[in-house]
C-alpha atoms as a PDB file:
ATOM      1  CA  MET A   1      78.188 126.132  83.189  1.00  0.00           C
ATOM      2  CA  ALA A   2      78.407 122.450  84.033  1.00  0.00           C
ATOM      3  CA  LEU A   3      80.766 120.561  86.273  1.00  0.00           C
ATOM      4  CA  TYR A   4      82.764 117.667  85.020  1.00  0.00           C
ATOM      5  CA  GLU A   5      85.637 115.101  86.269  1.00  0.00           C
ATOM      6  CA  HIS A   6      87.922 114.169  83.597  1.00  0.00           C
ATOM      7  CA  VAL A   7      90.367 111.307  84.406  1.00  0.00           C
ATOM      8  CA  PHE A   8      92.950 110.107  81.945  1.00  0.00           C
ATOM      9  CA  LEU A   9      95.591 107.186  82.075  1.00  0.00           C
ATOM     10  CA  ALA A  10      98.981 107.924  80.646  1.00  0.00           C
ATOM     11  CA  ARG A  11     101.486 105.146  79.502  1.00  0.00           C
ATOM     12  CA  GLN A  12     103.590 103.727  82.212  1.00  0.00           C
ATOM     13  CA  ASP A  13     106.968 104.711  80.477  1.00  0.00           C
ATOM     14  CA  LEU A  14     106.297 108.331  80.614  1.00  0.00           C
ATOM     15  CA  ALA A  15     108.295 110.510  82.959  1.00  0.00           C
ATOM     16  CA  GLN A  16     106.396 112.520  85.656  1.00  0.00           C
ATOM     17  CA  ALA A  17     107.282 115.711  83.826  1.00  0.00           C
ATOM     18  CA  GLN A  18     105.704 114.350  80.693  1.00  0.00           C
ATOM     19  CA  VAL A  19     102.553 113.549  82.540  1.00  0.00           C
ATOM     20  CA  ASP A  20     102.416 116.959  83.958  1.00  0.00           C
ATOM     21  CA  ALA A  21     102.865 118.378  80.494  1.00  0.00           C
ATOM     22  CA  LEU A  22      99.789 116.258  79.396  1.00  0.00           C
ATOM     23  CA  ALA A  23      97.727 117.761  82.258  1.00  0.00           C
ATOM     24  CA  GLU A  24      98.804 121.221  81.324  1.00  0.00           C
ATOM     25  CA  THR A  25      97.830 120.583  77.750  1.00  0.00           C
ATOM     26  CA  ALA A  26      94.263 119.444  78.836  1.00  0.00           C
ATOM     27  CA  THR A  27      94.092 122.515  81.160  1.00  0.00           C
ATOM     28  CA  LYS A  28      95.024 124.821  78.164  1.00  0.00           C
ATOM     29  CA  ILE A  29      92.266 123.100  75.978  1.00  0.00           C
ATOM     30  CA  VAL A  30      89.647 123.841  78.533  1.00  0.00           C
ATOM     31  CA  GLU A  31      90.721 127.391  79.197  1.00  0.00           C
ATOM     32  CA  ASP A  32      91.100 128.255  75.490  1.00  0.00           C
ATOM     33  CA  ASN A  33      87.333 127.357  75.094  1.00  0.00           C
ATOM     34  CA  GLN A  34      86.081 129.539  78.047  1.00  0.00           C
ATOM     35  CA  GLY A  35      86.168 126.839  80.753  1.00  0.00           C
ATOM     36  CA  LYS A  36      88.245 126.543  83.805  1.00  0.00           C
ATOM     37  CA  VAL A  37      90.120 123.713  85.591  1.00  0.00           C
ATOM     38  CA  VAL A  38      89.113 124.003  89.220  1.00  0.00           C
ATOM     39  CA  LYS A  39      91.473 121.325  90.529  1.00  0.00           C
ATOM     40  CA  THR A  40      94.205 118.983  89.116  1.00  0.00           C
ATOM     41  CA  GLU A  41      95.235 115.840  90.970  1.00  0.00           C
ATOM     42  CA  THR A  42      97.960 113.365  89.898  1.00  0.00           C
ATOM     43  CA  TRP A  43      97.355 110.014  91.380  1.00  0.00           C
ATOM     44  CA  GLY A  44     100.587 108.595  90.390  1.00  0.00           C
ATOM     45  CA  LEU A  45     101.772 105.306  88.797  1.00  0.00           C
ATOM     46  CA  ARG A  46      99.287 102.650  89.695  1.00  0.00           C
ATOM     47  CA  ASN A  47      98.402  99.047  88.536  1.00  0.00           C
ATOM     48  CA  ILE A  48      95.572  98.623  86.145  1.00  0.00           C
ATOM     49  CA  ALA A  49      93.104  95.715  86.271  1.00  0.00           C
ATOM     50  CA  TYR A  50      94.110  94.357  82.871  1.00  0.00           C
ATOM     51  CA  LYS A  51      96.693  95.104  80.216  1.00  0.00           C
ATOM     52  CA  ILE A  52      95.923  97.903  77.934  1.00  0.00           C
ATOM     53  CA  ALA A  53      98.218  98.379  74.831  1.00  0.00           C
ATOM     54  CA  LYS A  54     100.926  96.241  76.550  1.00  0.00           C
ATOM     55  CA  ASN A  55     100.865  98.395  79.771  1.00  0.00           C
ATOM     56  CA  ARG A  56     100.191  96.879  83.062  1.00  0.00           C
ATOM     57  CA  LYS A  57     100.573 100.173  84.935  1.00  0.00           C
ATOM     58  CA  ALA A  58      99.467 103.747  84.095  1.00  0.00           C
ATOM     59  CA  HIS A  59      99.825 107.324  85.402  1.00  0.00           C
ATOM     60  CA  TYR A  60      96.412 108.513  86.684  1.00  0.00           C
ATOM     61  CA  VAL A  61      95.410 112.328  86.371  1.00  0.00           C
ATOM     62  CA  MET A  62      92.055 113.822  87.360  1.00  0.00           C
ATOM     63  CA  LEU A  63      90.885 117.282  86.330  1.00  0.00           C
ATOM     64  CA  GLU A  64      87.930 118.947  87.844  1.00  0.00           C
ATOM     65  CA  ILE A  65      86.380 121.067  85.197  1.00  0.00           C
ATOM     66  CA  ASP A  66      83.820 123.983  85.111  1.00  0.00           C
ATOM     67  CA  ALA A  67      82.852 124.414  81.399  1.00  0.00           C
ATOM     68  CA  PRO A  68      80.281 124.361  78.788  1.00  0.00           C
ATOM     69  CA  ALA A  69      79.548 121.016  77.019  1.00  0.00           C
ATOM     70  CA  GLY A  70      81.306 121.941  73.826  1.00  0.00           C
ATOM     71  CA  VAL A  71      84.505 122.096  75.793  1.00  0.00           C
ATOM     72  CA  VAL A  72      84.322 118.484  76.962  1.00  0.00           C
ATOM     73  CA  ALA A  73      83.758 117.342  73.187  1.00  0.00           C
ATOM     74  CA  GLU A  74      86.962 119.174  72.249  1.00  0.00           C
ATOM     75  CA  LEU A  75      88.983 117.837  75.193  1.00  0.00           C
ATOM     76  CA  GLU A  76      87.916 114.340  74.354  1.00  0.00           C
ATOM     77  CA  ARG A  77      88.727 114.736  70.849  1.00  0.00           C
ATOM     78  CA  GLN A  78      92.304 115.968  71.618  1.00  0.00           C
ATOM     79  CA  THR A  79      92.674 113.301  74.164  1.00  0.00           C
ATOM     80  CA  ALA A  80      91.681 110.465  71.836  1.00  0.00           C
ATOM     81  CA  ILE A  81      94.361 111.692  69.273  1.00  0.00           C
ATOM     82  CA  ASN A  82      97.133 111.658  71.775  1.00  0.00           C
ATOM     83  CA  GLU A  83      99.102 108.439  71.704  1.00  0.00           C
ATOM     84  CA  ASP A  84     100.514 108.867  75.166  1.00  0.00           C
ATOM     85  CA  ILE A  85      96.903 108.535  76.690  1.00  0.00           C
ATOM     86  CA  ILE A  86      95.719 105.005  76.883  1.00  0.00           C
ATOM     87  CA  ARG A  87      92.349 105.599  78.454  1.00  0.00           C
ATOM     88  CA  TYR A  88      90.148 108.476  79.565  1.00  0.00           C
ATOM     89  CA  MET A  89      86.643 109.062  80.974  1.00  0.00           C
ATOM     90  CA  THR A  90      84.704 112.331  81.560  1.00  0.00           C
ATOM     91  CA  ILE A  91      81.613 112.413  83.796  1.00  0.00           C
ATOM     92  CA  LYS A  92      79.268 115.232  84.698  1.00  0.00           C
ATOM     93  CA  VAL A  93      78.938 115.777  88.383  1.00  0.00           C
ATOM     94  CA  ASP A  94      76.447 117.762  90.509  1.00  0.00           C
ATOM     95  CA  ALA A  95      79.175 119.335  92.681  1.00  0.00           C
ATOM     96  CA  HIS A  96      82.959 119.040  93.007  1.00  0.00           C
ATOM     97  CA  GLU A  97      84.345 117.354  96.032  1.00  0.00           C
ATOM     98  CA  ALA A  98      85.752 119.565  98.707  1.00  0.00           C
ATOM     99  CA  GLY A  99      89.277 118.708  99.648  1.00  0.00           C
ATOM    100  CA  PRO A 100      91.222 115.887  98.196  1.00  0.00           C
ATOM    101  CA  SER A 101      89.500 113.059  96.260  1.00  0.00           C
ATOM    102  CA  VAL A 102      88.851 109.615  97.572  1.00  0.00           C
ATOM    103  CA  MET A 103      91.875 108.366  95.807  1.00  0.00           C
ATOM    104  CA  MET A 104      94.231 110.905  97.377  1.00  0.00           C
ATOM    105  CA  ARG A 105      92.663 110.202 100.804  1.00  0.00           C
ATOM    106  CA  LYS A 106      93.250 106.301 100.271  1.00  0.00           C
ATOM    107  CA  GLY A 107      96.906 107.045  99.824  1.00  0.00           C
ATOM    108  CA  ASP A 108      97.078 109.078 103.131  1.00  0.00           C
ATOM    109  CA  ARG A 109      95.390 106.308 104.973  1.00  0.00           C
ATOM    110  CA  GLU A 110      97.839 103.745 103.543  1.00  0.00           C
ATOM    111  CA  ARG A 111     100.886 105.788 104.559  1.00  0.00           C
ATOM    112  CA  ALA A 112      99.413 106.412 108.081  1.00  0.00           C
ATOM    113  CA  ARG A 113      98.878 102.631 108.697  1.00  0.00           C
ATOM    114  CA  GLY A 114     102.341 101.837 107.647  1.00  0.00           C
ATOM    115  CA  GLU A 115     103.390  99.175 105.012  1.00  0.00           C
ATOM    116  CA  ARG A 116     101.283  96.380 106.113  1.00  0.00           C
ATOM    117  CA  GLY A 117     100.160  97.691 109.427  1.00  0.00           C
ATOM    118  CA  ASP A 118      99.109  95.782 112.400  1.00  0.00           C
ATOM    119  CA  ARG A 119      95.616  94.140 111.882  1.00  0.00           C
ATOM    120  CA  GLY A 120      94.410  92.884 115.261  1.00  0.00           C
ATOM    121  CA  ASP A 121      92.151  90.196 113.658  1.00  0.00           C
ATOM    122  CA  ARG A 122      95.061  87.995 112.409  1.00  0.00           C
ATOM    123  CA  GLY A 123      96.071  86.434 115.693  1.00  0.00           C
ATOM    124  CA  ASP A 124      99.667  85.329 116.762  1.00  0.00           C
ATOM    125  CA  ARG A 125      99.539  81.887 115.302  1.00  0.00           C
ATOM    126  CA  PRO A 126     102.041  80.987 112.584  1.00  0.00           C
ATOM    127  CA  ARG A 127     100.582  80.202 109.157  1.00  0.00           C
ATOM    128  CA  GLY A 128     101.360  76.568 109.142  1.00  0.00           C
ATOM    129  CA  ASP A 129     100.138  75.661 112.719  1.00  0.00           C
ATOM    130  CA  ARG A 130      96.892  73.733 112.424  1.00  0.00           C
ATOM    131  CA  GLU A 131      96.598  72.015 115.781  1.00  0.00           C
ATOM    132  CA  ASP A 132      93.161  73.348 116.454  1.00  0.00           C
ATOM    133  CA  ARG A 133      91.649  71.878 113.375  1.00  0.00           C
ATOM    134  CA  PRO A 134      89.841  68.505 113.886  1.00  0.00           C
ATOM    135  CA  ARG A 135      91.791  65.627 112.470  1.00  0.00           C
ATOM    136  CA  ARG A 136      90.210  63.334 109.930  1.00  0.00           C
ATOM    137  CA  GLU A 137      89.917  59.773 111.333  1.00  0.00           C
ATOM    138  CA  ASP A 138      89.919  56.879 108.996  1.00  0.00           C
ATOM    139  CA  ALA A 139      86.770  54.889 108.962  1.00  0.00           C
ATOM    140  CA  GLU A 140      87.301  51.276 108.805  1.00  0.00           C
END
């Protein structure tokens, strides 16, 4: 059987329980067609690059799937029909990632660093201080 990653974006006005129900529905579709969902990750409510159907944010969910190709066709058909899902994408992968995905690790890094964190490259100078900048002299 082939390995796939299926990511879908659910509308921003859904509750987390509804998003989890969408993930369960997708899992059931895969399992009913002799496939299996290896891992499910909910990435949470995140900003999207541009408005999609009047939504500026979306709930992101990723499923790692081990299934034959026909299962993916049925999953995408059912996903396209669902009005709560605004975008989806399924890709075939050579192997599933061990441990948490990049998106989950990114959230861990941000929490470890703190809200804005101390970035040593910024210096201690206030933003409006420009004394070290050369002044423009009027040429007469």
